[in-house]
Amino acid sequence: MSQSIGIIGSGNIGSAFARALARASIPATIANSRGPESLQALTGELAPYITAGTREEAASADIVLVAVNWSKLPTALAGLPEWNGRIVIDANNPIEAPLFKPAELDGRLSSDIVADLVPGARVVKAFNHLQAQLVSSDPKAEGGSRVLFFSGDDETAKAEVARLIDRLGFFGIDLGSLAVGGRLAQFPGGPLPALNLVKFG
């Protein structure tokens, strides 16, 4: 039985991830701070695979991608059901909107801060380093498979996310732990964001 998928955040990355899922005929529930009614245009475009729900409904899935404006993350993740070992895909970048200013992390990795906001979850960093249009477009458009990096501290959780990445048509590359991979893929600061790499053969 395939695992259920939730999306918290309907901005560029959250919507792009939803489009990638719909293209692969994978169902998911998407939520934002404005409520399900505000998502009618997106879910109408991506029906029947993507449906709108509350934050609580999206957060109850087996795998939950979180992609929210950095300054709104604490509010977006407050008061949700216990995570109890479920997987959170951290697709966030520590950028303060709307000025596009790097957030002050006090020397910490952004994924460490996200992990503190989802206690009990198994966090995997992924889907943050590609531009949104590359997440939503055909990952095989250039004749190979577009590379998508991921990292995390739980090997089983990474394996689940790797399977999802493969189902979406990307070529997943495991960067190791969050301490290593999270730093490489973090934007701004890491060397990997915005690279559109393709695996041939």
N, C-alpha and C. Protein backbone atom coordinates (compact mmCIF):
# COMPACT_ATOMS: atom_id res chain seq x y z
N MET A 1 0.85 -1.19 0.00
CA MET A 1 0.00 0.00 0.00
C MET A 1 0.88 1.24 0.00
N SER A 2 0.63 2.16 -0.94
CA SER A 2 1.45 3.36 -1.04
C SER A 2 1.13 4.30 0.12
N GLN A 3 2.11 5.09 0.49
CA GLN A 3 1.94 5.98 1.62
C GLN A 3 1.21 7.25 1.21
N SER A 4 0.42 7.80 2.14
CA SER A 4 -0.30 9.04 1.86
C SER A 4 0.66 10.21 1.90
N ILE A 5 0.32 11.26 1.14
CA ILE A 5 1.20 12.42 1.01
C ILE A 5 0.41 13.68 1.32
N GLY A 6 1.00 14.55 2.11
CA GLY A 6 0.43 15.86 2.40
C GLY A 6 1.41 16.95 2.02
N ILE A 7 0.88 18.12 1.73
CA ILE A 7 1.70 19.29 1.39
C ILE A 7 1.22 20.46 2.23
N ILE A 8 2.12 21.07 2.97
CA ILE A 8 1.80 22.28 3.72
C ILE A 8 2.53 23.43 3.05
N GLY A 9 1.76 24.32 2.45
CA GLY A 9 2.31 25.44 1.70
C GLY A 9 1.94 25.32 0.23
N SER A 10 1.34 26.37 -0.31
CA SER A 10 0.91 26.35 -1.71
C SER A 10 1.59 27.43 -2.54
N GLY A 11 2.79 27.86 -2.08
CA GLY A 11 3.57 28.81 -2.86
C GLY A 11 4.24 28.11 -4.03
N ASN A 12 5.34 28.69 -4.50
CA ASN A 12 5.98 28.17 -5.71
C ASN A 12 6.38 26.71 -5.59
N ILE A 13 7.07 26.34 -4.50
CA ILE A 13 7.58 24.97 -4.39
C ILE A 13 6.46 24.00 -4.04
N GLY A 14 5.58 24.37 -3.11
CA GLY A 14 4.47 23.50 -2.77
C GLY A 14 3.59 23.18 -3.97
N SER A 15 3.28 24.21 -4.75
CA SER A 15 2.46 24.00 -5.95
C SER A 15 3.21 23.19 -7.01
N ALA A 16 4.51 23.44 -7.14
CA ALA A 16 5.31 22.69 -8.12
C ALA A 16 5.37 21.21 -7.75
N PHE A 17 5.52 20.92 -6.46
CA PHE A 17 5.52 19.54 -5.99
C PHE A 17 4.17 18.89 -6.26
N ALA A 18 3.09 19.62 -6.02
CA ALA A 18 1.75 19.10 -6.31
C ALA A 18 1.60 18.78 -7.80
N ARG A 19 2.13 19.63 -8.65
CA ARG A 19 2.04 19.39 -10.10
C ARG A 19 2.86 18.16 -10.49
N ALA A 20 4.01 17.99 -9.86
CA ALA A 20 4.84 16.81 -10.14
C ALA A 20 4.11 15.54 -9.73
N LEU A 21 3.45 15.56 -8.57
CA LEU A 21 2.70 14.41 -8.12
C LEU A 21 1.55 14.10 -9.08
N ALA A 22 0.81 15.13 -9.47
CA ALA A 22 -0.33 14.92 -10.37
C ALA A 22 0.13 14.36 -11.71
N ARG A 23 1.28 14.84 -12.19
CA ARG A 23 1.81 14.34 -13.46
C ARG A 23 2.11 12.84 -13.37
N ALA A 24 2.50 12.40 -12.19
CA ALA A 24 2.82 10.99 -11.97
C ALA A 24 1.61 10.21 -11.43
N SER A 25 0.44 10.83 -11.42
CA SER A 25 -0.81 10.19 -10.95
C SER A 25 -0.72 9.74 -9.50
N ILE A 26 -0.05 10.56 -8.67
CA ILE A 26 0.09 10.27 -7.24
C ILE A 26 -0.80 11.22 -6.45
N PRO A 27 -1.73 10.71 -5.65
CA PRO A 27 -2.64 11.59 -4.91
C PRO A 27 -1.97 12.25 -3.71
N ALA A 28 -2.46 13.44 -3.36
CA ALA A 28 -1.95 14.16 -2.19
C ALA A 28 -2.99 15.18 -1.74
N THR A 29 -2.86 15.60 -0.50
CA THR A 29 -3.68 16.67 0.07
C THR A 29 -2.80 17.88 0.30
N ILE A 30 -3.23 19.05 -0.20
CA ILE A 30 -2.46 20.27 -0.05
C ILE A 30 -3.22 21.25 0.84
N ALA A 31 -2.49 22.00 1.65
CA ALA A 31 -3.10 22.95 2.57
C ALA A 31 -2.25 24.22 2.64
N ASN A 32 -2.91 25.31 3.01
CA ASN A 32 -2.18 26.56 3.24
C ASN A 32 -2.85 27.30 4.40
N SER A 33 -2.36 28.48 4.69
CA SER A 33 -2.88 29.23 5.84
C SER A 33 -4.22 29.87 5.55
N ARG A 34 -4.61 29.95 4.28
CA ARG A 34 -5.85 30.65 3.92
C ARG A 34 -7.05 29.72 3.81
N GLY A 35 -6.85 28.42 3.92
CA GLY A 35 -7.97 27.49 3.91
C GLY A 35 -8.21 26.84 2.57
N PRO A 36 -8.91 25.71 2.55
CA PRO A 36 -9.11 24.92 1.33
C PRO A 36 -9.76 25.70 0.19
N GLU A 37 -10.66 26.65 0.52
CA GLU A 37 -11.36 27.38 -0.53
C GLU A 37 -10.40 28.17 -1.42
N SER A 38 -9.29 28.62 -0.85
CA SER A 38 -8.33 29.42 -1.61
C SER A 38 -7.54 28.58 -2.62
N LEU A 39 -7.68 27.26 -2.55
CA LEU A 39 -6.90 26.36 -3.41
C LEU A 39 -7.73 25.77 -4.55
N GLN A 40 -8.93 26.31 -4.77
CA GLN A 40 -9.81 25.72 -5.77
C GLN A 40 -9.22 25.75 -7.18
N ALA A 41 -8.55 26.84 -7.53
CA ALA A 41 -7.97 26.92 -8.88
C ALA A 41 -6.90 25.86 -9.07
N LEU A 42 -6.03 25.69 -8.08
CA LEU A 42 -4.94 24.72 -8.18
C LEU A 42 -5.49 23.29 -8.20
N THR A 43 -6.41 22.98 -7.29
CA THR A 43 -6.93 21.62 -7.24
C THR A 43 -7.80 21.32 -8.46
N GLY A 44 -8.45 22.35 -9.01
CA GLY A 44 -9.20 22.14 -10.24
C GLY A 44 -8.29 21.78 -11.39
N GLU A 45 -7.13 22.43 -11.43
CA GLU A 45 -6.13 22.14 -12.47
C GLU A 45 -5.56 20.73 -12.32
N LEU A 46 -5.39 20.28 -11.08
CA LEU A 46 -4.67 19.04 -10.82
C LEU A 46 -5.60 17.88 -10.41
N ALA A 47 -6.90 18.09 -10.54
CA ALA A 47 -7.85 17.01 -10.24
C ALA A 47 -7.61 15.84 -11.19
N PRO A 48 -7.88 14.62 -10.73
CA PRO A 48 -8.43 14.25 -9.42
C PRO A 48 -7.37 13.92 -8.37
N TYR A 49 -6.10 14.15 -8.70
CA TYR A 49 -5.03 13.66 -7.83
C TYR A 49 -4.78 14.55 -6.61
N ILE A 50 -4.90 15.88 -6.78
CA ILE A 50 -4.58 16.80 -5.69
C ILE A 50 -5.87 17.39 -5.14
N THR A 51 -6.08 17.20 -3.85
CA THR A 51 -7.25 17.75 -3.19
C THR A 51 -6.82 18.72 -2.10
N ALA A 52 -7.68 19.68 -1.79
CA ALA A 52 -7.39 20.67 -0.76
C ALA A 52 -7.89 20.17 0.58
N GLY A 53 -7.17 20.51 1.62
CA GLY A 53 -7.57 20.14 2.97
C GLY A 53 -7.10 21.17 3.97
N THR A 54 -7.32 20.90 5.23
CA THR A 54 -6.80 21.76 6.29
C THR A 54 -5.34 21.42 6.55
N ARG A 55 -4.66 22.28 7.31
CA ARG A 55 -3.28 21.98 7.70
C ARG A 55 -3.22 20.66 8.46
N GLU A 56 -4.18 20.44 9.33
CA GLU A 56 -4.20 19.23 10.14
C GLU A 56 -4.36 17.98 9.26
N GLU A 57 -5.20 18.09 8.24
CA GLU A 57 -5.40 16.95 7.34
C GLU A 57 -4.13 16.66 6.55
N ALA A 58 -3.50 17.69 6.01
CA ALA A 58 -2.26 17.50 5.25
C ALA A 58 -1.16 16.95 6.15
N ALA A 59 -1.10 17.44 7.38
CA ALA A 59 -0.04 17.03 8.31
C ALA A 59 -0.24 15.62 8.84
N SER A 60 -1.41 15.03 8.62
CA SER A 60 -1.68 13.68 9.11
C SER A 60 -1.20 12.61 8.14
N ALA A 61 -0.69 13.01 6.97
CA ALA A 61 -0.24 12.04 5.97
C ALA A 61 1.05 11.35 6.43
N ASP A 62 1.37 10.25 5.75
CA ASP A 62 2.60 9.51 6.08
C ASP A 62 3.85 10.30 5.73
N ILE A 63 3.80 11.00 4.61
CA ILE A 63 4.90 11.84 4.15
C ILE A 63 4.34 13.25 3.94
N VAL A 64 4.96 14.25 4.59
CA VAL A 64 4.44 15.61 4.52
C VAL A 64 5.55 16.54 4.03
N LEU A 65 5.34 17.13 2.85
CA LEU A 65 6.29 18.13 2.37
C LEU A 65 5.89 19.48 2.92
N VAL A 66 6.85 20.19 3.49
CA VAL A 66 6.62 21.52 4.05
C VAL A 66 7.42 22.53 3.24
N ALA A 67 6.71 23.50 2.66
CA ALA A 67 7.35 24.56 1.88
C ALA A 67 6.59 25.86 2.15
N VAL A 68 7.08 26.59 3.14
CA VAL A 68 6.38 27.78 3.63
C VAL A 68 7.39 28.92 3.71
N ASN A 69 6.92 30.16 3.55
CA ASN A 69 7.80 31.30 3.76
C ASN A 69 8.48 31.17 5.12
N TRP A 70 9.79 31.38 5.15
CA TRP A 70 10.58 31.07 6.34
C TRP A 70 10.03 31.72 7.60
N SER A 71 9.67 32.98 7.53
CA SER A 71 9.20 33.68 8.73
C SER A 71 7.86 33.16 9.22
N LYS A 72 7.11 32.44 8.35
CA LYS A 72 5.80 31.92 8.72
C LYS A 72 5.83 30.45 9.16
N LEU A 73 7.01 29.84 9.13
CA LEU A 73 7.12 28.43 9.47
C LEU A 73 6.62 28.10 10.88
N PRO A 74 7.02 28.85 11.91
CA PRO A 74 6.54 28.49 13.25
C PRO A 74 5.02 28.47 13.35
N THR A 75 4.37 29.45 12.73
CA THR A 75 2.90 29.50 12.75
C THR A 75 2.31 28.36 11.94
N ALA A 76 2.89 28.09 10.78
CA ALA A 76 2.36 27.05 9.89
C ALA A 76 2.44 25.66 10.52
N LEU A 77 3.43 25.45 11.39
CA LEU A 77 3.64 24.12 11.96
C LEU A 77 3.16 24.01 13.41
N ALA A 78 2.54 25.07 13.91
CA ALA A 78 2.07 25.05 15.29
C ALA A 78 0.74 24.31 15.40
N GLY A 79 0.55 23.59 16.50
CA GLY A 79 -0.72 22.97 16.80
C GLY A 79 -1.13 21.81 15.91
N LEU A 80 -0.17 21.18 15.26
CA LEU A 80 -0.48 20.06 14.38
C LEU A 80 -0.45 18.74 15.15
N PRO A 81 -1.01 17.67 14.56
CA PRO A 81 -0.99 16.37 15.25
C PRO A 81 0.43 15.92 15.57
N GLU A 82 0.56 15.05 16.56
CA GLU A 82 1.87 14.48 16.90
C GLU A 82 2.45 13.80 15.66
N TRP A 83 3.77 13.98 15.46
CA TRP A 83 4.39 13.44 14.24
C TRP A 83 4.65 11.94 14.35
N ASN A 84 5.03 11.47 15.51
CA ASN A 84 5.12 10.03 15.77
C ASN A 84 5.91 9.27 14.70
N GLY A 85 7.06 9.83 14.31
CA GLY A 85 7.93 9.13 13.37
C GLY A 85 7.56 9.26 11.91
N ARG A 86 6.50 10.03 11.61
CA ARG A 86 6.17 10.23 10.20
C ARG A 86 7.24 11.10 9.53
N ILE A 87 7.26 11.10 8.22
CA ILE A 87 8.33 11.75 7.46
C ILE A 87 7.93 13.17 7.09
N VAL A 88 8.79 14.12 7.37
CA VAL A 88 8.64 15.50 6.91
C VAL A 88 9.73 15.79 5.90
N ILE A 89 9.32 16.16 4.68
CA ILE A 89 10.27 16.62 3.67
C ILE A 89 10.43 18.12 3.85
N ASP A 90 11.62 18.54 4.21
CA ASP A 90 11.92 19.95 4.41
C ASP A 90 12.34 20.54 3.06
N ALA A 91 11.41 21.28 2.45
CA ALA A 91 11.69 21.92 1.15
C ALA A 91 11.84 23.42 1.31
N ASN A 92 12.18 23.85 2.52
CA ASN A 92 12.25 25.28 2.82
C ASN A 92 13.65 25.85 2.59
N ASN A 93 13.68 27.12 2.26
CA ASN A 93 14.94 27.86 2.20
C ASN A 93 14.85 29.05 3.15
N PRO A 94 15.92 29.32 3.92
CA PRO A 94 15.86 30.38 4.93
C PRO A 94 16.00 31.78 4.32
N ILE A 95 14.95 32.17 3.62
CA ILE A 95 14.89 33.48 2.97
C ILE A 95 13.70 34.22 3.54
N GLU A 96 13.91 35.46 3.94
CA GLU A 96 12.82 36.29 4.46
C GLU A 96 12.12 36.99 3.32
N ALA A 97 10.84 36.63 3.09
CA ALA A 97 10.03 37.31 2.08
C ALA A 97 9.46 38.59 2.70
N PRO A 98 9.16 39.62 1.90
CA PRO A 98 9.31 39.67 0.43
C PRO A 98 10.64 40.27 -0.02
N LEU A 99 11.55 40.52 0.91
CA LEU A 99 12.80 41.22 0.57
C LEU A 99 13.87 40.29 0.01
N PHE A 100 13.62 38.99 0.04
CA PHE A 100 14.59 37.99 -0.41
C PHE A 100 15.90 38.13 0.35
N LYS A 101 15.77 38.32 1.64
CA LYS A 101 16.92 38.52 2.52
C LYS A 101 17.21 37.24 3.28
N PRO A 102 18.48 36.81 3.34
CA PRO A 102 18.81 35.61 4.11
C PRO A 102 18.42 35.75 5.57
N ALA A 103 17.79 34.71 6.12
CA ALA A 103 17.40 34.73 7.52
C ALA A 103 18.62 34.54 8.41
N GLU A 104 18.55 35.06 9.61
CA GLU A 104 19.63 34.89 10.59
C GLU A 104 19.43 33.55 11.29
N LEU A 105 20.37 32.63 11.09
CA LEU A 105 20.25 31.28 11.64
C LEU A 105 21.16 31.04 12.83
N ASP A 106 21.93 32.04 13.20
CA ASP A 106 22.85 31.92 14.34
C ASP A 106 23.77 30.71 14.22
N GLY A 107 24.24 30.47 13.00
CA GLY A 107 25.19 29.40 12.78
C GLY A 107 24.59 28.01 12.62
N ARG A 108 23.28 27.90 12.74
CA ARG A 108 22.63 26.59 12.61
C ARG A 108 22.24 26.34 11.16
N LEU A 109 21.99 25.07 10.84
CA LEU A 109 21.43 24.73 9.54
C LEU A 109 19.93 24.94 9.58
N SER A 110 19.36 25.34 8.45
CA SER A 110 17.92 25.57 8.42
C SER A 110 17.15 24.30 8.74
N SER A 111 17.66 23.14 8.32
CA SER A 111 16.96 21.88 8.60
C SER A 111 16.92 21.56 10.09
N ASP A 112 17.94 21.99 10.83
CA ASP A 112 17.91 21.79 12.28
C ASP A 112 16.77 22.59 12.90
N ILE A 113 16.56 23.80 12.40
CA ILE A 113 15.49 24.65 12.91
C ILE A 113 14.13 24.06 12.55
N VAL A 114 14.00 23.56 11.31
CA VAL A 114 12.75 22.92 10.89
C VAL A 114 12.49 21.69 11.76
N ALA A 115 13.53 20.89 12.01
CA ALA A 115 13.36 19.68 12.83
C ALA A 115 12.85 20.02 14.23
N ASP A 116 13.30 21.13 14.79
CA ASP A 116 12.81 21.54 16.11
C ASP A 116 11.31 21.86 16.09
N LEU A 117 10.81 22.28 14.92
CA LEU A 117 9.40 22.65 14.80
C LEU A 117 8.49 21.45 14.56
N VAL A 118 9.10 20.30 14.25
CA VAL A 118 8.31 19.08 14.00
C VAL A 118 8.86 17.94 14.88
N PRO A 119 8.78 18.10 16.20
CA PRO A 119 9.38 17.10 17.09
C PRO A 119 8.75 15.73 16.88
N GLY A 120 9.63 14.73 16.78
CA GLY A 120 9.15 13.37 16.56
C GLY A 120 9.08 12.96 15.11
N ALA A 121 9.24 13.91 14.20
CA ALA A 121 9.23 13.59 12.77
C ALA A 121 10.62 13.15 12.32
N ARG A 122 10.65 12.40 11.24
CA ARG A 122 11.92 12.04 10.59
C ARG A 122 12.09 12.97 9.40
N VAL A 123 13.05 13.88 9.49
CA VAL A 123 13.19 14.97 8.52
C VAL A 123 14.14 14.58 7.40
N VAL A 124 13.70 14.81 6.17
CA VAL A 124 14.52 14.61 4.98
C VAL A 124 14.53 15.92 4.21
N LYS A 125 15.71 16.42 3.91
CA LYS A 125 15.83 17.66 3.13
C LYS A 125 15.79 17.31 1.64
N ALA A 126 14.85 17.92 0.90
CA ALA A 126 14.72 17.63 -0.53
C ALA A 126 13.79 18.66 -1.17
N PHE A 127 13.87 18.78 -2.48
CA PHE A 127 12.99 19.60 -3.30
C PHE A 127 13.18 21.11 -3.09
N ASN A 128 14.19 21.51 -2.33
CA ASN A 128 14.41 22.94 -2.10
C ASN A 128 15.44 23.54 -3.04
N HIS A 129 16.28 22.69 -3.65
CA HIS A 129 17.44 23.23 -4.37
C HIS A 129 17.17 23.48 -5.84
N LEU A 130 16.05 22.96 -6.37
CA LEU A 130 15.68 23.20 -7.76
C LEU A 130 14.70 24.36 -7.85
N GLN A 131 14.80 25.14 -8.91
CA GLN A 131 13.80 26.17 -9.15
C GLN A 131 12.45 25.49 -9.35
N ALA A 132 11.39 26.19 -8.97
CA ALA A 132 10.05 25.60 -8.97
C ALA A 132 9.67 25.03 -10.33
N GLN A 133 10.00 25.74 -11.39
CA GLN A 133 9.60 25.25 -12.72
C GLN A 133 10.32 23.96 -13.10
N LEU A 134 11.46 23.69 -12.48
CA LEU A 134 12.17 22.44 -12.74
C LEU A 134 11.59 21.29 -11.92
N VAL A 135 10.98 21.61 -10.80
CA VAL A 135 10.29 20.59 -10.01
C VAL A 135 9.02 20.14 -10.71
N SER A 136 8.30 21.10 -11.30
CA SER A 136 6.99 20.79 -11.88
C SER A 136 7.06 20.31 -13.32
N SER A 137 8.15 20.60 -14.03
CA SER A 137 8.24 20.22 -15.44
C SER A 137 8.75 18.78 -15.59
N ASP A 138 8.68 18.26 -16.78
CA ASP A 138 9.08 16.87 -17.06
C ASP A 138 10.55 16.67 -16.70
N PRO A 139 10.86 15.80 -15.73
CA PRO A 139 12.25 15.61 -15.32
C PRO A 139 13.10 14.89 -16.35
N LYS A 140 12.48 14.42 -17.42
CA LYS A 140 13.23 13.73 -18.48
C LYS A 140 13.25 14.55 -19.78
N ALA A 141 12.91 15.83 -19.68
CA ALA A 141 12.77 16.67 -20.87
C ALA A 141 14.08 16.86 -21.62
N GLU A 142 15.21 16.76 -20.91
CA GLU A 142 16.50 17.01 -21.55
C GLU A 142 17.17 15.73 -22.03
N GLY A 143 16.43 14.63 -22.02
CA GLY A 143 16.96 13.39 -22.56
C GLY A 143 17.54 12.45 -21.54
N GLY A 144 17.68 12.92 -20.30
CA GLY A 144 18.13 12.07 -19.21
C GLY A 144 17.14 12.18 -18.07
N SER A 145 17.62 12.08 -16.84
CA SER A 145 16.76 12.25 -15.66
C SER A 145 17.33 13.38 -14.81
N ARG A 146 16.50 14.37 -14.54
CA ARG A 146 16.96 15.51 -13.74
C ARG A 146 17.35 15.04 -12.34
N VAL A 147 18.47 15.55 -11.84
CA VAL A 147 19.00 15.14 -10.54
C VAL A 147 18.28 15.89 -9.42
N LEU A 148 17.94 15.16 -8.38
CA LEU A 148 17.32 15.76 -7.20
C LEU A 148 18.05 15.24 -5.97
N PHE A 149 18.66 16.14 -5.23
CA PHE A 149 19.44 15.77 -4.05
C PHE A 149 18.53 15.63 -2.82
N PHE A 150 18.92 14.74 -1.92
CA PHE A 150 18.21 14.61 -0.66
C PHE A 150 19.18 14.21 0.43
N SER A 151 18.82 14.50 1.67
CA SER A 151 19.68 14.15 2.80
C SER A 151 18.80 13.98 4.04
N GLY A 152 19.34 13.27 5.02
CA GLY A 152 18.60 13.04 6.25
C GLY A 152 19.37 12.12 7.17
N ASP A 153 18.91 12.05 8.41
CA ASP A 153 19.60 11.25 9.42
C ASP A 153 18.97 9.88 9.64
N ASP A 154 17.80 9.64 9.04
CA ASP A 154 17.11 8.36 9.19
C ASP A 154 17.13 7.64 7.85
N GLU A 155 17.82 6.51 7.80
CA GLU A 155 18.01 5.81 6.53
C GLU A 155 16.70 5.29 5.95
N THR A 156 15.80 4.83 6.79
CA THR A 156 14.51 4.32 6.30
C THR A 156 13.69 5.45 5.71
N ALA A 157 13.68 6.61 6.36
CA ALA A 157 12.94 7.76 5.84
C ALA A 157 13.53 8.20 4.50
N LYS A 158 14.85 8.22 4.42
CA LYS A 158 15.49 8.60 3.14
C LYS A 158 15.12 7.62 2.04
N ALA A 159 15.05 6.35 2.38
CA ALA A 159 14.70 5.35 1.37
C ALA A 159 13.28 5.56 0.85
N GLU A 160 12.36 5.94 1.74
CA GLU A 160 10.99 6.23 1.32
C GLU A 160 10.95 7.44 0.38
N VAL A 161 11.68 8.48 0.75
CA VAL A 161 11.71 9.69 -0.09
C VAL A 161 12.40 9.38 -1.42
N ALA A 162 13.44 8.55 -1.38
CA ALA A 162 14.12 8.16 -2.62
C ALA A 162 13.17 7.44 -3.56
N ARG A 163 12.31 6.59 -3.01
CA ARG A 163 11.32 5.89 -3.85
C ARG A 163 10.35 6.89 -4.48
N LEU A 164 9.94 7.88 -3.71
CA LEU A 164 9.04 8.90 -4.24
C LEU A 164 9.72 9.71 -5.34
N ILE A 165 10.96 10.08 -5.12
CA ILE A 165 11.72 10.83 -6.12
C ILE A 165 11.81 10.03 -7.42
N ASP A 166 12.05 8.73 -7.28
CA ASP A 166 12.13 7.85 -8.45
C ASP A 166 10.78 7.76 -9.17
N ARG A 167 9.69 7.65 -8.40
CA ARG A 167 8.36 7.58 -9.01
C ARG A 167 8.03 8.85 -9.78
N LEU A 168 8.57 9.97 -9.33
CA LEU A 168 8.32 11.24 -10.01
C LEU A 168 9.18 11.40 -11.26
N GLY A 169 10.14 10.49 -11.47
CA GLY A 169 10.95 10.52 -12.67
C GLY A 169 12.30 11.19 -12.52
N PHE A 170 12.64 11.62 -11.30
CA PHE A 170 13.94 12.25 -11.06
C PHE A 170 14.99 11.18 -10.75
N PHE A 171 16.25 11.59 -10.80
CA PHE A 171 17.36 10.74 -10.39
C PHE A 171 17.83 11.25 -9.04
N GLY A 172 17.50 10.52 -7.97
CA GLY A 172 17.84 10.97 -6.64
C GLY A 172 19.28 10.66 -6.27
N ILE A 173 19.93 11.61 -5.61
CA ILE A 173 21.29 11.41 -5.10
C ILE A 173 21.29 11.71 -3.61
N ASP A 174 21.68 10.71 -2.82
CA ASP A 174 21.73 10.81 -1.37
C ASP A 174 23.01 11.53 -0.95
N LEU A 175 22.84 12.68 -0.31
CA LEU A 175 23.99 13.47 0.13
C LEU A 175 24.44 13.12 1.55
N GLY A 176 23.78 12.13 2.16
CA GLY A 176 24.18 11.73 3.50
C GLY A 176 23.33 12.38 4.58
N SER A 177 23.96 12.70 5.69
CA SER A 177 23.25 13.25 6.85
C SER A 177 22.81 14.68 6.60
N LEU A 178 21.91 15.18 7.46
CA LEU A 178 21.51 16.58 7.37
C LEU A 178 22.69 17.51 7.60
N ALA A 179 23.60 17.10 8.49
CA ALA A 179 24.75 17.96 8.78
C ALA A 179 25.61 18.18 7.55
N VAL A 180 25.67 17.16 6.69
CA VAL A 180 26.47 17.27 5.46
C VAL A 180 25.60 17.73 4.29
N GLY A 181 24.56 16.96 3.98
CA GLY A 181 23.73 17.26 2.82
C GLY A 181 22.90 18.52 2.98
N GLY A 182 22.41 18.75 4.20
CA GLY A 182 21.63 19.96 4.43
C GLY A 182 22.44 21.20 4.16
N ARG A 183 23.72 21.17 4.50
CA ARG A 183 24.59 22.33 4.25
C ARG A 183 24.85 22.49 2.76
N LEU A 184 25.05 21.39 2.04
CA LEU A 184 25.34 21.46 0.61
C LEU A 184 24.15 22.00 -0.18
N ALA A 185 22.93 21.63 0.25
CA ALA A 185 21.74 21.97 -0.52
C ALA A 185 21.03 23.23 -0.01
N GLN A 186 21.51 23.79 1.08
CA GLN A 186 20.84 24.96 1.66
C GLN A 186 21.01 26.18 0.77
N PHE A 187 19.92 26.92 0.62
CA PHE A 187 19.98 28.20 -0.11
C PHE A 187 19.49 29.30 0.81
N PRO A 188 20.31 30.36 0.96
CA PRO A 188 21.60 30.61 0.33
C PRO A 188 22.74 29.93 1.09
N GLY A 189 23.89 29.85 0.46
CA GLY A 189 25.09 29.36 1.12
C GLY A 189 25.65 28.08 0.56
N GLY A 190 24.80 27.12 0.21
CA GLY A 190 25.29 25.85 -0.31
C GLY A 190 25.63 25.92 -1.78
N PRO A 191 26.49 25.02 -2.26
CA PRO A 191 26.92 25.04 -3.66
C PRO A 191 25.94 24.41 -4.65
N LEU A 192 24.91 23.71 -4.16
CA LEU A 192 24.07 22.92 -5.06
C LEU A 192 22.79 23.60 -5.53
N PRO A 193 22.20 24.53 -4.78
CA PRO A 193 20.94 25.12 -5.24
C PRO A 193 21.05 25.76 -6.62
N ALA A 194 19.97 25.60 -7.38
CA ALA A 194 19.79 26.18 -8.72
C ALA A 194 20.58 25.43 -9.80
N LEU A 195 21.34 24.39 -9.42
CA LEU A 195 22.01 23.59 -10.44
C LEU A 195 21.00 22.66 -11.10
N ASN A 196 20.91 22.70 -12.40
CA ASN A 196 20.01 21.81 -13.12
C ASN A 196 20.86 20.72 -13.76
N LEU A 197 21.12 19.67 -12.97
CA LEU A 197 21.97 18.57 -13.43
C LEU A 197 21.11 17.44 -13.97
N VAL A 198 21.61 16.77 -14.99
CA VAL A 198 20.88 15.68 -15.63
C VAL A 198 21.75 14.44 -15.68
N LYS A 199 21.17 13.31 -15.26
CA LYS A 199 21.86 12.02 -15.33
C LYS A 199 21.46 11.34 -16.64
N PHE A 200 22.45 11.00 -17.47
CA PHE A 200 22.21 10.31 -18.73
C PHE A 200 22.60 8.84 -18.58
N GLY A 201 21.89 7.99 -19.31
CA GLY A 201 22.21 6.58 -19.29
C GLY A 201 21.57 5.84 -18.14
